[in-house]
Amino acid sequence: MMWMNLQEKLFNPSGIYAITPTYIFKNELLDAVAATLESEIKLIQYRFESEISFEEKYETAKKIQSMCNEKKATLVINNDHRIAELIGCGLHIGQDVKDTNFLKDKKNISFIGLSCKDKPDNQTRNDARMFSYYSFGPIFESKTKKNASGPIDIARVSSKMNKDKLNVAIGGISEINLRLVKQNKFNMAAICDGIYNDPKKIKVNCQKLIEIWNEN
């Protein structure tokens, strides 16, 4: 597997990691991705519902990958290692995936991110060297990142996470609370609804979020 230094690859540090919503499909989704990439965002995750056919997911992912390549952006596939391997992009997996040995043979996956929820000790798993970034959340109340116990304790997680790693905050993040994410020393903020809540304002939303992230 081509493990890469994600911080080096993401040469344009917008700080924003776009997560596509699962309720838009096909051309509407591609239009949303295009609007996202018109901003300076360089990392985008394709997320989808499980009932969508593999063929549709694969064809959509190929198109998004092509769009990302044109803009020198990086694509991440949520959960489906088959697609990530076929098109040669990043993969995001959940902390419930305990046995990752099967991923060692995936030579075309460029990097892997791990969801840690509120557990920084996931950064010391036996397979921790496999992961290029770690995400924590939901940071705030979220429409898309559900958690039965509610938002995590951002201050506690921030104090315990390894600051030498690439740490991503996710869940309920918007221009209203983005500053708090950066104040708590996260490297990036993964955002869905805060970007895609209005299809006519995707580029504007992205630019505003980037502006806030880069204030100081």
N, C-alpha and C. Protein backbone atom coordinates (compact mmCIF):
# COMPACT_ATOMS: atom_id res chain seq x y z
N MET A 1 0.84 -1.20 0.00
CA MET A 1 0.00 0.00 0.00
C MET A 1 0.87 1.25 0.00
N MET A 2 0.45 2.23 -0.74
CA MET A 2 1.22 3.46 -0.88
C MET A 2 0.91 4.42 0.26
N TRP A 3 1.40 4.09 1.48
CA TRP A 3 1.15 4.98 2.61
C TRP A 3 1.83 6.31 2.33
N MET A 4 1.11 7.41 2.44
CA MET A 4 1.68 8.71 2.14
C MET A 4 1.54 9.64 3.33
N ASN A 5 2.35 10.67 3.34
CA ASN A 5 2.21 11.72 4.33
C ASN A 5 1.11 12.65 3.86
N LEU A 6 -0.05 12.56 4.48
CA LEU A 6 -1.20 13.32 4.02
C LEU A 6 -0.97 14.81 4.17
N GLN A 7 -0.26 15.21 5.19
CA GLN A 7 0.00 16.63 5.38
C GLN A 7 0.83 17.19 4.23
N GLU A 8 1.72 16.40 3.68
CA GLU A 8 2.51 16.85 2.54
C GLU A 8 1.65 16.90 1.29
N LYS A 9 0.77 15.92 1.12
CA LYS A 9 -0.06 15.89 -0.07
C LYS A 9 -1.04 17.05 -0.09
N LEU A 10 -1.60 17.38 1.08
CA LEU A 10 -2.55 18.48 1.15
C LEU A 10 -1.77 19.79 1.26
N PHE A 11 -1.15 20.15 0.15
CA PHE A 11 -0.26 21.30 0.15
C PHE A 11 -0.99 22.61 0.37
N ASN A 12 -2.29 22.64 0.12
CA ASN A 12 -3.07 23.85 0.33
C ASN A 12 -3.87 23.67 1.62
N PRO A 13 -3.41 24.23 2.72
CA PRO A 13 -4.00 23.93 4.03
C PRO A 13 -5.29 24.70 4.30
N SER A 14 -6.34 24.37 3.55
CA SER A 14 -7.61 25.07 3.76
C SER A 14 -8.18 24.75 5.13
N GLY A 15 -7.81 23.59 5.68
CA GLY A 15 -8.33 23.19 6.98
C GLY A 15 -9.70 22.55 6.92
N ILE A 16 -10.34 22.56 5.76
CA ILE A 16 -11.70 22.05 5.63
C ILE A 16 -11.70 20.75 4.82
N TYR A 17 -12.35 19.74 5.38
CA TYR A 17 -12.47 18.42 4.78
C TYR A 17 -13.95 18.25 4.45
N ALA A 18 -14.30 18.29 3.18
CA ALA A 18 -15.70 18.23 2.76
C ALA A 18 -16.20 16.79 2.74
N ILE A 19 -17.38 16.57 3.34
CA ILE A 19 -18.01 15.25 3.37
C ILE A 19 -19.32 15.33 2.61
N THR A 20 -19.45 14.61 1.51
CA THR A 20 -20.66 14.72 0.71
C THR A 20 -21.85 14.10 1.45
N PRO A 21 -23.03 14.70 1.33
CA PRO A 21 -24.22 14.15 1.98
C PRO A 21 -24.74 12.92 1.24
N THR A 22 -25.38 12.04 1.97
CA THR A 22 -25.88 10.79 1.37
C THR A 22 -27.23 10.96 0.69
N TYR A 23 -27.83 12.14 0.80
CA TYR A 23 -29.17 12.33 0.24
C TYR A 23 -29.15 12.95 -1.16
N ILE A 24 -27.99 13.17 -1.75
CA ILE A 24 -27.94 13.63 -3.14
C ILE A 24 -27.17 12.61 -3.97
N PHE A 25 -27.55 12.50 -5.24
CA PHE A 25 -27.03 11.43 -6.09
C PHE A 25 -26.71 11.95 -7.49
N LYS A 26 -25.97 11.16 -8.21
CA LYS A 26 -25.73 11.33 -9.64
C LYS A 26 -25.36 12.77 -10.00
N ASN A 27 -26.07 13.38 -10.96
CA ASN A 27 -25.67 14.71 -11.44
C ASN A 27 -25.73 15.77 -10.35
N GLU A 28 -26.71 15.67 -9.47
CA GLU A 28 -26.81 16.63 -8.37
C GLU A 28 -25.58 16.54 -7.47
N LEU A 29 -25.14 15.33 -7.22
CA LEU A 29 -23.94 15.13 -6.40
C LEU A 29 -22.70 15.65 -7.11
N LEU A 30 -22.58 15.36 -8.40
CA LEU A 30 -21.42 15.83 -9.16
C LEU A 30 -21.38 17.35 -9.22
N ASP A 31 -22.55 17.98 -9.35
CA ASP A 31 -22.60 19.45 -9.33
C ASP A 31 -22.14 19.99 -7.98
N ALA A 32 -22.53 19.30 -6.91
CA ALA A 32 -22.13 19.73 -5.56
C ALA A 32 -20.62 19.59 -5.38
N VAL A 33 -20.06 18.51 -5.89
CA VAL A 33 -18.61 18.31 -5.81
C VAL A 33 -17.88 19.37 -6.62
N ALA A 34 -18.40 19.68 -7.81
CA ALA A 34 -17.78 20.71 -8.65
C ALA A 34 -17.75 22.05 -7.93
N ALA A 35 -18.86 22.40 -7.28
CA ALA A 35 -18.92 23.67 -6.55
C ALA A 35 -17.94 23.67 -5.39
N THR A 36 -17.80 22.53 -4.73
CA THR A 36 -16.83 22.41 -3.63
C THR A 36 -15.41 22.65 -4.12
N LEU A 37 -15.09 22.04 -5.23
CA LEU A 37 -13.73 22.11 -5.76
C LEU A 37 -13.40 23.47 -6.37
N GLU A 38 -14.41 24.29 -6.59
CA GLU A 38 -14.15 25.65 -7.06
C GLU A 38 -13.57 26.52 -5.95
N SER A 39 -13.73 26.07 -4.72
CA SER A 39 -13.09 26.76 -3.60
C SER A 39 -11.69 26.17 -3.44
N GLU A 40 -11.03 26.47 -2.34
CA GLU A 40 -9.67 25.96 -2.13
C GLU A 40 -9.65 24.65 -1.36
N ILE A 41 -10.79 24.03 -1.17
CA ILE A 41 -10.84 22.75 -0.47
C ILE A 41 -10.13 21.68 -1.28
N LYS A 42 -9.26 20.93 -0.62
CA LYS A 42 -8.44 19.94 -1.30
C LYS A 42 -8.66 18.52 -0.81
N LEU A 43 -9.61 18.32 0.08
CA LEU A 43 -9.89 16.98 0.59
C LEU A 43 -11.39 16.79 0.65
N ILE A 44 -11.89 15.76 -0.02
CA ILE A 44 -13.33 15.53 -0.09
C ILE A 44 -13.62 14.04 0.05
N GLN A 45 -14.61 13.73 0.89
CA GLN A 45 -15.00 12.33 1.10
C GLN A 45 -16.34 12.05 0.45
N TYR A 46 -16.37 10.97 -0.32
CA TYR A 46 -17.61 10.51 -0.94
C TYR A 46 -18.26 9.51 0.01
N ARG A 47 -19.41 9.93 0.56
CA ARG A 47 -20.16 9.09 1.50
C ARG A 47 -21.48 8.71 0.84
N PHE A 48 -21.97 7.51 1.10
CA PHE A 48 -23.17 7.03 0.42
C PHE A 48 -23.91 6.04 1.31
N GLU A 49 -25.19 5.84 0.99
CA GLU A 49 -26.00 4.86 1.70
C GLU A 49 -25.66 3.45 1.20
N SER A 50 -25.80 2.48 2.08
CA SER A 50 -25.41 1.11 1.74
C SER A 50 -26.29 0.50 0.65
N GLU A 51 -27.53 0.98 0.51
CA GLU A 51 -28.42 0.36 -0.46
C GLU A 51 -28.13 0.75 -1.90
N ILE A 52 -27.29 1.75 -2.12
CA ILE A 52 -26.91 2.12 -3.48
C ILE A 52 -26.07 1.00 -4.07
N SER A 53 -26.32 0.66 -5.33
CA SER A 53 -25.60 -0.45 -5.95
C SER A 53 -24.11 -0.17 -6.05
N PHE A 54 -23.34 -1.23 -6.05
CA PHE A 54 -21.89 -1.07 -6.18
C PHE A 54 -21.55 -0.37 -7.49
N GLU A 55 -22.25 -0.72 -8.56
CA GLU A 55 -21.97 -0.13 -9.86
C GLU A 55 -22.15 1.38 -9.84
N GLU A 56 -23.25 1.84 -9.22
CA GLU A 56 -23.49 3.29 -9.16
C GLU A 56 -22.43 3.98 -8.32
N LYS A 57 -22.09 3.39 -7.19
CA LYS A 57 -21.06 3.98 -6.33
C LYS A 57 -19.72 4.06 -7.06
N TYR A 58 -19.39 2.99 -7.74
CA TYR A 58 -18.11 2.93 -8.44
C TYR A 58 -18.04 3.95 -9.57
N GLU A 59 -19.09 4.02 -10.38
CA GLU A 59 -19.10 4.97 -11.49
C GLU A 59 -19.06 6.41 -10.99
N THR A 60 -19.80 6.68 -9.92
CA THR A 60 -19.79 8.02 -9.34
C THR A 60 -18.41 8.35 -8.79
N ALA A 61 -17.81 7.40 -8.10
CA ALA A 61 -16.49 7.62 -7.52
C ALA A 61 -15.45 7.91 -8.60
N LYS A 62 -15.52 7.21 -9.72
CA LYS A 62 -14.58 7.46 -10.82
C LYS A 62 -14.71 8.88 -11.34
N LYS A 63 -15.94 9.35 -11.45
CA LYS A 63 -16.16 10.72 -11.94
C LYS A 63 -15.65 11.75 -10.94
N ILE A 64 -15.91 11.50 -9.66
CA ILE A 64 -15.42 12.43 -8.64
C ILE A 64 -13.89 12.42 -8.60
N GLN A 65 -13.30 11.25 -8.74
CA GLN A 65 -11.84 11.15 -8.75
C GLN A 65 -11.25 11.97 -9.90
N SER A 66 -11.88 11.89 -11.07
CA SER A 66 -11.41 12.66 -12.22
C SER A 66 -11.50 14.16 -11.94
N MET A 67 -12.60 14.58 -11.33
CA MET A 67 -12.78 15.99 -10.98
C MET A 67 -11.72 16.44 -9.97
N CYS A 68 -11.45 15.59 -8.99
CA CYS A 68 -10.45 15.91 -7.99
C CYS A 68 -9.06 16.02 -8.61
N ASN A 69 -8.75 15.12 -9.52
CA ASN A 69 -7.44 15.15 -10.17
C ASN A 69 -7.24 16.46 -10.93
N GLU A 70 -8.28 16.94 -11.58
CA GLU A 70 -8.19 18.19 -12.33
C GLU A 70 -7.88 19.37 -11.41
N LYS A 71 -8.38 19.31 -10.19
CA LYS A 71 -8.19 20.41 -9.24
C LYS A 71 -7.07 20.13 -8.24
N LYS A 72 -6.32 19.06 -8.49
CA LYS A 72 -5.25 18.65 -7.57
C LYS A 72 -5.77 18.48 -6.14
N ALA A 73 -6.96 17.89 -6.06
CA ALA A 73 -7.59 17.60 -4.76
C ALA A 73 -7.51 16.10 -4.50
N THR A 74 -7.83 15.71 -3.28
CA THR A 74 -7.72 14.32 -2.85
C THR A 74 -9.09 13.76 -2.50
N LEU A 75 -9.40 12.59 -3.03
CA LEU A 75 -10.66 11.92 -2.76
C LEU A 75 -10.48 10.83 -1.72
N VAL A 76 -11.46 10.73 -0.83
CA VAL A 76 -11.52 9.66 0.16
C VAL A 76 -12.86 8.95 0.00
N ILE A 77 -12.85 7.64 0.02
CA ILE A 77 -14.07 6.84 -0.05
C ILE A 77 -14.43 6.38 1.36
N ASN A 78 -15.68 6.53 1.72
CA ASN A 78 -16.12 6.11 3.04
C ASN A 78 -16.40 4.60 3.06
N ASN A 79 -15.64 3.87 3.85
CA ASN A 79 -15.87 2.46 4.17
C ASN A 79 -15.59 1.43 3.06
N ASP A 80 -15.88 1.73 1.81
CA ASP A 80 -15.79 0.70 0.77
C ASP A 80 -14.36 0.58 0.23
N HIS A 81 -13.61 -0.35 0.78
CA HIS A 81 -12.21 -0.52 0.37
C HIS A 81 -12.09 -1.01 -1.06
N ARG A 82 -13.13 -1.67 -1.57
CA ARG A 82 -13.09 -2.17 -2.95
C ARG A 82 -12.99 -1.01 -3.94
N ILE A 83 -13.82 0.01 -3.72
CA ILE A 83 -13.81 1.17 -4.62
C ILE A 83 -12.51 1.94 -4.48
N ALA A 84 -12.07 2.15 -3.25
CA ALA A 84 -10.82 2.89 -3.03
C ALA A 84 -9.65 2.20 -3.72
N GLU A 85 -9.64 0.88 -3.68
CA GLU A 85 -8.57 0.12 -4.32
C GLU A 85 -8.67 0.21 -5.84
N LEU A 86 -9.88 0.13 -6.37
CA LEU A 86 -10.07 0.13 -7.82
C LEU A 86 -9.67 1.46 -8.45
N ILE A 87 -10.00 2.57 -7.80
CA ILE A 87 -9.72 3.86 -8.43
C ILE A 87 -8.45 4.51 -7.90
N GLY A 88 -7.89 3.97 -6.83
CA GLY A 88 -6.64 4.50 -6.32
C GLY A 88 -6.78 5.80 -5.57
N CYS A 89 -7.47 5.75 -4.43
CA CYS A 89 -7.67 6.97 -3.64
C CYS A 89 -7.61 6.62 -2.16
N GLY A 90 -7.99 7.56 -1.32
CA GLY A 90 -7.99 7.34 0.12
C GLY A 90 -9.21 6.57 0.58
N LEU A 91 -9.12 6.04 1.79
CA LEU A 91 -10.21 5.26 2.39
C LEU A 91 -10.41 5.72 3.82
N HIS A 92 -11.67 5.83 4.25
CA HIS A 92 -11.98 6.13 5.64
C HIS A 92 -12.74 4.95 6.23
N ILE A 93 -12.31 4.49 7.41
CA ILE A 93 -12.99 3.36 8.05
C ILE A 93 -13.35 3.71 9.50
N GLY A 94 -14.27 2.93 10.06
CA GLY A 94 -14.70 3.16 11.43
C GLY A 94 -13.85 2.41 12.43
N GLN A 95 -13.92 2.84 13.69
CA GLN A 95 -13.11 2.20 14.73
C GLN A 95 -13.57 0.78 15.02
N ASP A 96 -14.76 0.41 14.54
CA ASP A 96 -15.26 -0.95 14.75
C ASP A 96 -14.52 -1.96 13.88
N VAL A 97 -13.77 -1.49 12.89
CA VAL A 97 -12.96 -2.40 12.07
C VAL A 97 -11.69 -2.70 12.85
N LYS A 98 -11.67 -3.81 13.54
CA LYS A 98 -10.55 -4.15 14.42
C LYS A 98 -9.43 -4.89 13.69
N ASP A 99 -9.82 -5.76 12.76
CA ASP A 99 -8.82 -6.53 12.02
C ASP A 99 -8.61 -5.88 10.65
N THR A 100 -7.49 -5.23 10.48
CA THR A 100 -7.20 -4.51 9.24
C THR A 100 -6.16 -5.23 8.38
N ASN A 101 -5.86 -6.47 8.71
CA ASN A 101 -4.85 -7.20 7.95
C ASN A 101 -5.20 -7.30 6.47
N PHE A 102 -6.50 -7.39 6.17
CA PHE A 102 -6.92 -7.53 4.78
C PHE A 102 -6.56 -6.30 3.95
N LEU A 103 -6.34 -5.17 4.61
CA LEU A 103 -6.01 -3.94 3.88
C LEU A 103 -4.54 -3.88 3.46
N LYS A 104 -3.71 -4.70 4.05
CA LYS A 104 -2.28 -4.66 3.74
C LYS A 104 -1.99 -5.07 2.30
N ASP A 105 -2.91 -5.82 1.70
CA ASP A 105 -2.71 -6.26 0.32
C ASP A 105 -3.31 -5.29 -0.69
N LYS A 106 -3.92 -4.22 -0.21
CA LYS A 106 -4.54 -3.24 -1.10
C LYS A 106 -3.49 -2.22 -1.54
N LYS A 107 -2.81 -2.53 -2.62
CA LYS A 107 -1.66 -1.73 -3.03
C LYS A 107 -2.04 -0.39 -3.64
N ASN A 108 -3.29 -0.22 -4.01
CA ASN A 108 -3.68 1.00 -4.73
C ASN A 108 -4.38 2.02 -3.85
N ILE A 109 -4.68 1.65 -2.60
CA ILE A 109 -5.27 2.61 -1.67
C ILE A 109 -4.15 3.53 -1.18
N SER A 110 -4.34 4.83 -1.35
CA SER A 110 -3.23 5.76 -1.10
C SER A 110 -3.04 6.09 0.37
N PHE A 111 -4.10 6.10 1.15
CA PHE A 111 -3.99 6.31 2.60
C PHE A 111 -5.30 5.92 3.26
N ILE A 112 -5.28 5.79 4.58
CA ILE A 112 -6.48 5.41 5.33
C ILE A 112 -6.65 6.32 6.53
N GLY A 113 -7.88 6.78 6.73
CA GLY A 113 -8.23 7.54 7.93
C GLY A 113 -9.10 6.68 8.83
N LEU A 114 -8.99 6.91 10.14
CA LEU A 114 -9.73 6.11 11.11
C LEU A 114 -10.65 6.98 11.95
N SER A 115 -11.91 6.59 12.06
CA SER A 115 -12.85 7.26 12.95
C SER A 115 -12.63 6.78 14.37
N CYS A 116 -12.42 7.71 15.30
CA CYS A 116 -12.12 7.35 16.69
C CYS A 116 -13.24 7.74 17.65
N LYS A 117 -14.27 8.43 17.16
CA LYS A 117 -15.34 8.95 18.01
C LYS A 117 -14.76 9.78 19.15
N ASP A 118 -14.85 9.31 20.40
CA ASP A 118 -14.30 10.09 21.52
C ASP A 118 -13.16 9.35 22.21
N LYS A 119 -12.49 8.48 21.47
CA LYS A 119 -11.48 7.60 22.07
C LYS A 119 -10.09 7.83 21.46
N PRO A 120 -9.33 8.76 22.01
CA PRO A 120 -7.97 9.01 21.51
C PRO A 120 -7.05 7.80 21.61
N ASP A 121 -7.39 6.83 22.48
CA ASP A 121 -6.51 5.66 22.59
C ASP A 121 -6.49 4.82 21.32
N ASN A 122 -7.42 5.11 20.38
CA ASN A 122 -7.36 4.44 19.09
C ASN A 122 -6.08 4.80 18.33
N GLN A 123 -5.45 5.90 18.74
CA GLN A 123 -4.21 6.31 18.08
C GLN A 123 -3.02 5.42 18.48
N THR A 124 -3.25 4.54 19.44
CA THR A 124 -2.18 3.62 19.86
C THR A 124 -2.56 2.16 19.59
N ARG A 125 -3.53 1.94 18.71
CA ARG A 125 -3.85 0.58 18.31
C ARG A 125 -2.61 -0.10 17.72
N ASN A 126 -2.63 -1.42 17.71
CA ASN A 126 -1.49 -2.15 17.14
C ASN A 126 -1.25 -1.81 15.68
N ASP A 127 -2.33 -1.43 14.98
CA ASP A 127 -2.20 -1.10 13.56
C ASP A 127 -2.17 0.41 13.32
N ALA A 128 -1.85 1.18 14.34
CA ALA A 128 -1.93 2.65 14.25
C ALA A 128 -1.08 3.23 13.13
N ARG A 129 0.03 2.59 12.81
CA ARG A 129 0.91 3.11 11.76
C ARG A 129 0.25 3.07 10.39
N MET A 130 -0.85 2.34 10.29
CA MET A 130 -1.56 2.23 9.02
C MET A 130 -2.32 3.51 8.68
N PHE A 131 -2.64 4.31 9.69
CA PHE A 131 -3.56 5.42 9.47
C PHE A 131 -2.85 6.76 9.29
N SER A 132 -3.33 7.51 8.32
CA SER A 132 -2.75 8.83 8.02
C SER A 132 -3.42 9.94 8.80
N TYR A 133 -4.68 9.74 9.21
CA TYR A 133 -5.35 10.73 10.05
C TYR A 133 -6.36 10.03 10.95
N TYR A 134 -6.79 10.76 11.98
CA TYR A 134 -7.76 10.25 12.95
C TYR A 134 -8.87 11.28 13.10
N SER A 135 -10.12 10.84 13.02
CA SER A 135 -11.23 11.78 13.19
C SER A 135 -11.94 11.53 14.51
N PHE A 136 -12.41 12.62 15.12
CA PHE A 136 -13.09 12.56 16.41
C PHE A 136 -14.42 13.30 16.31
N GLY A 137 -15.48 12.71 16.89
CA GLY A 137 -16.76 13.38 16.86
C GLY A 137 -17.92 12.44 17.20
N PRO A 138 -19.14 12.99 17.24
CA PRO A 138 -19.48 14.34 16.81
C PRO A 138 -19.03 15.40 17.82
N ILE A 139 -18.43 16.45 17.29
CA ILE A 139 -17.97 17.55 18.12
C ILE A 139 -19.15 18.35 18.67
N PHE A 140 -20.17 18.52 17.81
CA PHE A 140 -21.39 19.24 18.19
C PHE A 140 -22.60 18.41 17.77
N GLU A 141 -23.79 18.86 18.14
CA GLU A 141 -25.00 18.19 17.68
C GLU A 141 -24.99 18.15 16.16
N SER A 142 -25.28 16.97 15.59
CA SER A 142 -25.11 16.79 14.16
C SER A 142 -26.30 16.09 13.53
N LYS A 143 -26.69 16.55 12.34
CA LYS A 143 -27.77 15.90 11.60
C LYS A 143 -27.28 14.63 10.92
N THR A 144 -25.99 14.58 10.61
CA THR A 144 -25.46 13.46 9.82
C THR A 144 -24.56 12.53 10.62
N LYS A 145 -23.98 13.01 11.72
CA LYS A 145 -23.07 12.21 12.55
C LYS A 145 -23.77 11.90 13.86
N LYS A 146 -24.60 10.87 13.87
CA LYS A 146 -25.42 10.55 15.04
C LYS A 146 -24.59 9.84 16.11
N ASN A 147 -24.91 10.16 17.36
CA ASN A 147 -24.26 9.51 18.50
C ASN A 147 -25.26 9.49 19.64
N ALA A 148 -25.59 8.30 20.11
CA ALA A 148 -26.62 8.17 21.14
C ALA A 148 -26.29 8.96 22.40
N SER A 149 -25.02 9.11 22.69
CA SER A 149 -24.62 9.82 23.91
C SER A 149 -24.39 11.31 23.68
N GLY A 150 -24.66 11.79 22.47
CA GLY A 150 -24.53 13.21 22.18
C GLY A 150 -23.11 13.59 21.80
N PRO A 151 -22.84 14.90 21.71
CA PRO A 151 -21.51 15.37 21.32
C PRO A 151 -20.44 14.91 22.30
N ILE A 152 -19.23 14.77 21.79
CA ILE A 152 -18.12 14.36 22.64
C ILE A 152 -17.62 15.56 23.45
N ASP A 153 -16.80 15.28 24.43
CA ASP A 153 -16.16 16.34 25.23
C ASP A 153 -14.93 16.81 24.47
N ILE A 154 -15.09 17.91 23.74
CA ILE A 154 -14.03 18.37 22.84
C ILE A 154 -12.75 18.70 23.60
N ALA A 155 -12.87 19.29 24.78
CA ALA A 155 -11.68 19.66 25.55
C ALA A 155 -10.93 18.42 26.03
N ARG A 156 -11.69 17.40 26.50
CA ARG A 156 -11.04 16.17 26.98
C ARG A 156 -10.33 15.46 25.84
N VAL A 157 -11.03 15.32 24.70
CA VAL A 157 -10.42 14.63 23.56
C VAL A 157 -9.19 15.39 23.07
N SER A 158 -9.30 16.70 23.00
CA SER A 158 -8.18 17.51 22.54
C SER A 158 -6.97 17.36 23.45
N SER A 159 -7.22 17.27 24.75
CA SER A 159 -6.11 17.17 25.70
C SER A 159 -5.41 15.81 25.64
N LYS A 160 -6.12 14.79 25.15
CA LYS A 160 -5.57 13.43 25.15
C LYS A 160 -5.10 12.96 23.77
N MET A 161 -5.55 13.60 22.70
CA MET A 161 -5.15 13.14 21.37
C MET A 161 -3.69 13.49 21.11
N ASN A 162 -3.06 12.68 20.31
CA ASN A 162 -1.64 12.87 19.98
C ASN A 162 -1.51 14.03 19.00
N LYS A 163 -0.92 15.12 19.44
CA LYS A 163 -0.82 16.33 18.60
C LYS A 163 0.17 16.15 17.45
N ASP A 164 0.97 15.08 17.49
CA ASP A 164 1.89 14.81 16.39
C ASP A 164 1.19 14.10 15.23
N LYS A 165 -0.05 13.68 15.45
CA LYS A 165 -0.84 13.03 14.41
C LYS A 165 -1.68 14.08 13.69
N LEU A 166 -2.27 13.68 12.56
CA LEU A 166 -3.20 14.55 11.85
C LEU A 166 -4.59 14.27 12.41
N ASN A 167 -5.14 15.23 13.16
CA ASN A 167 -6.40 15.05 13.88
C ASN A 167 -7.51 15.87 13.23
N VAL A 168 -8.63 15.20 12.99
CA VAL A 168 -9.76 15.81 12.29
C VAL A 168 -10.98 15.83 13.20
N ALA A 169 -11.63 16.98 13.30
CA ALA A 169 -12.89 17.09 14.04
C ALA A 169 -14.05 16.91 13.07
N ILE A 170 -15.12 16.24 13.52
CA ILE A 170 -16.27 16.02 12.65
C ILE A 170 -17.55 16.07 13.47
N GLY A 171 -18.64 16.51 12.83
CA GLY A 171 -19.95 16.48 13.47
C GLY A 171 -20.48 17.82 13.88
N GLY A 172 -21.48 18.32 13.15
CA GLY A 172 -22.16 19.55 13.53
C GLY A 172 -21.35 20.82 13.39
N ILE A 173 -20.28 20.78 12.62
CA ILE A 173 -19.40 21.94 12.50
C ILE A 173 -19.93 22.89 11.43
N SER A 174 -19.95 24.17 11.77
CA SER A 174 -20.41 25.20 10.84
C SER A 174 -19.58 26.45 11.06
N GLU A 175 -19.89 27.50 10.32
CA GLU A 175 -19.15 28.75 10.49
C GLU A 175 -19.38 29.35 11.87
N ILE A 176 -20.42 28.93 12.55
CA ILE A 176 -20.72 29.46 13.89
C ILE A 176 -19.74 28.93 14.93
N ASN A 177 -19.35 27.66 14.80
CA ASN A 177 -18.52 27.05 15.85
C ASN A 177 -17.15 26.58 15.36
N LEU A 178 -16.80 26.89 14.13
CA LEU A 178 -15.55 26.41 13.56
C LEU A 178 -14.33 26.91 14.33
N ARG A 179 -14.40 28.14 14.83
CA ARG A 179 -13.26 28.69 15.57
C ARG A 179 -12.92 27.85 16.79
N LEU A 180 -13.93 27.28 17.44
CA LEU A 180 -13.70 26.45 18.62
C LEU A 180 -12.93 25.19 18.26
N VAL A 181 -13.20 24.66 17.07
CA VAL A 181 -12.47 23.48 16.61
C VAL A 181 -10.98 23.79 16.48
N LYS A 182 -10.67 24.90 15.84
CA LYS A 182 -9.26 25.26 15.66
C LYS A 182 -8.60 25.60 17.00
N GLN A 183 -9.35 26.25 17.88
CA GLN A 183 -8.80 26.60 19.20
C GLN A 183 -8.41 25.35 19.98
N ASN A 184 -9.09 24.24 19.69
CA ASN A 184 -8.79 22.98 20.38
C ASN A 184 -7.76 22.13 19.64
N LYS A 185 -7.02 22.77 18.75
CA LYS A 185 -5.82 22.18 18.14
C LYS A 185 -6.08 21.04 17.16
N PHE A 186 -7.28 21.01 16.56
CA PHE A 186 -7.51 20.05 15.49
C PHE A 186 -6.87 20.58 14.21
N ASN A 187 -6.36 19.67 13.38
CA ASN A 187 -5.70 20.07 12.14
C ASN A 187 -6.68 20.38 11.03
N MET A 188 -7.83 19.70 11.07
CA MET A 188 -8.83 19.91 10.04
C MET A 188 -10.22 19.75 10.64
N ALA A 189 -11.22 20.31 9.93
CA ALA A 189 -12.62 20.15 10.31
C ALA A 189 -13.36 19.49 9.15
N ALA A 190 -13.96 18.33 9.42
CA ALA A 190 -14.75 17.63 8.41
C ALA A 190 -16.19 18.12 8.49
N ILE A 191 -16.71 18.59 7.37
CA ILE A 191 -18.00 19.28 7.39
C ILE A 191 -18.90 18.77 6.27
N CYS A 192 -20.15 18.49 6.60
CA CYS A 192 -21.15 18.08 5.62
C CYS A 192 -22.25 19.14 5.49
N ASP A 193 -23.15 19.18 6.46
CA ASP A 193 -24.30 20.08 6.37
C ASP A 193 -23.87 21.55 6.31
N GLY A 194 -22.80 21.89 6.97
CA GLY A 194 -22.32 23.27 6.95
C GLY A 194 -21.85 23.72 5.58
N ILE A 195 -21.64 22.76 4.68
CA ILE A 195 -21.28 23.07 3.29
C ILE A 195 -22.47 22.90 2.36
N TYR A 196 -23.20 21.79 2.53
CA TYR A 196 -24.19 21.38 1.53
C TYR A 196 -25.64 21.67 1.92
N ASN A 197 -25.86 22.52 2.93
CA ASN A 197 -27.24 22.80 3.36
C ASN A 197 -28.05 23.58 2.34
N ASP A 198 -27.39 24.22 1.39
CA ASP A 198 -28.08 24.95 0.32
C ASP A 198 -27.28 24.75 -0.96
N PRO A 199 -27.84 24.02 -1.93
CA PRO A 199 -27.07 23.72 -3.15
C PRO A 199 -26.62 24.96 -3.92
N LYS A 200 -27.28 26.08 -3.69
CA LYS A 200 -26.91 27.31 -4.39
C LYS A 200 -25.77 28.06 -3.69
N LYS A 201 -25.43 27.63 -2.49
CA LYS A 201 -24.44 28.37 -1.70
C LYS A 201 -23.22 27.52 -1.33
N ILE A 202 -23.02 26.42 -2.03
CA ILE A 202 -21.93 25.52 -1.67
C ILE A 202 -20.57 26.22 -1.75
N LYS A 203 -20.29 26.86 -2.87
CA LYS A 203 -19.00 27.53 -3.01
C LYS A 203 -18.84 28.64 -1.99
N VAL A 204 -19.90 29.41 -1.78
CA VAL A 204 -19.87 30.51 -0.80
C VAL A 204 -19.63 29.96 0.60
N ASN A 205 -20.33 28.88 0.94
CA ASN A 205 -20.14 28.25 2.25
C ASN A 205 -18.69 27.80 2.44
N CYS A 206 -18.14 27.17 1.41
CA CYS A 206 -16.75 26.70 1.48
C CYS A 206 -15.79 27.86 1.70
N GLN A 207 -15.98 28.92 0.93
CA GLN A 207 -15.07 30.06 1.02
C GLN A 207 -15.14 30.72 2.39
N LYS A 208 -16.36 30.80 2.94
CA LYS A 208 -16.52 31.39 4.27
C LYS A 208 -15.83 30.54 5.33
N LEU A 209 -15.98 29.24 5.24
CA LEU A 209 -15.35 28.34 6.20
C LEU A 209 -13.83 28.43 6.12
N ILE A 210 -13.30 28.48 4.91
CA ILE A 210 -11.85 28.61 4.73
C ILE A 210 -11.36 29.93 5.30
N GLU A 211 -12.12 30.98 5.07
CA GLU A 211 -11.75 32.31 5.59
C GLU A 211 -11.67 32.29 7.11
N ILE A 212 -12.66 31.68 7.75
CA ILE A 212 -12.67 31.60 9.21
C ILE A 212 -11.48 30.78 9.70
N TRP A 213 -11.24 29.64 9.06
CA TRP A 213 -10.14 28.76 9.49
C TRP A 213 -8.79 29.48 9.42
N ASN A 214 -8.63 30.31 8.42
CA ASN A 214 -7.34 30.96 8.19
C ASN A 214 -7.23 32.35 8.82
N GLU A 215 -8.12 32.66 9.75
CA GLU A 215 -8.09 33.98 10.38
C GLU A 215 -6.78 34.25 11.09
N ASN A 216 -6.24 33.25 11.76
CA ASN A 216 -4.96 33.45 12.46
C ASN A 216 -4.25 32.10 12.65
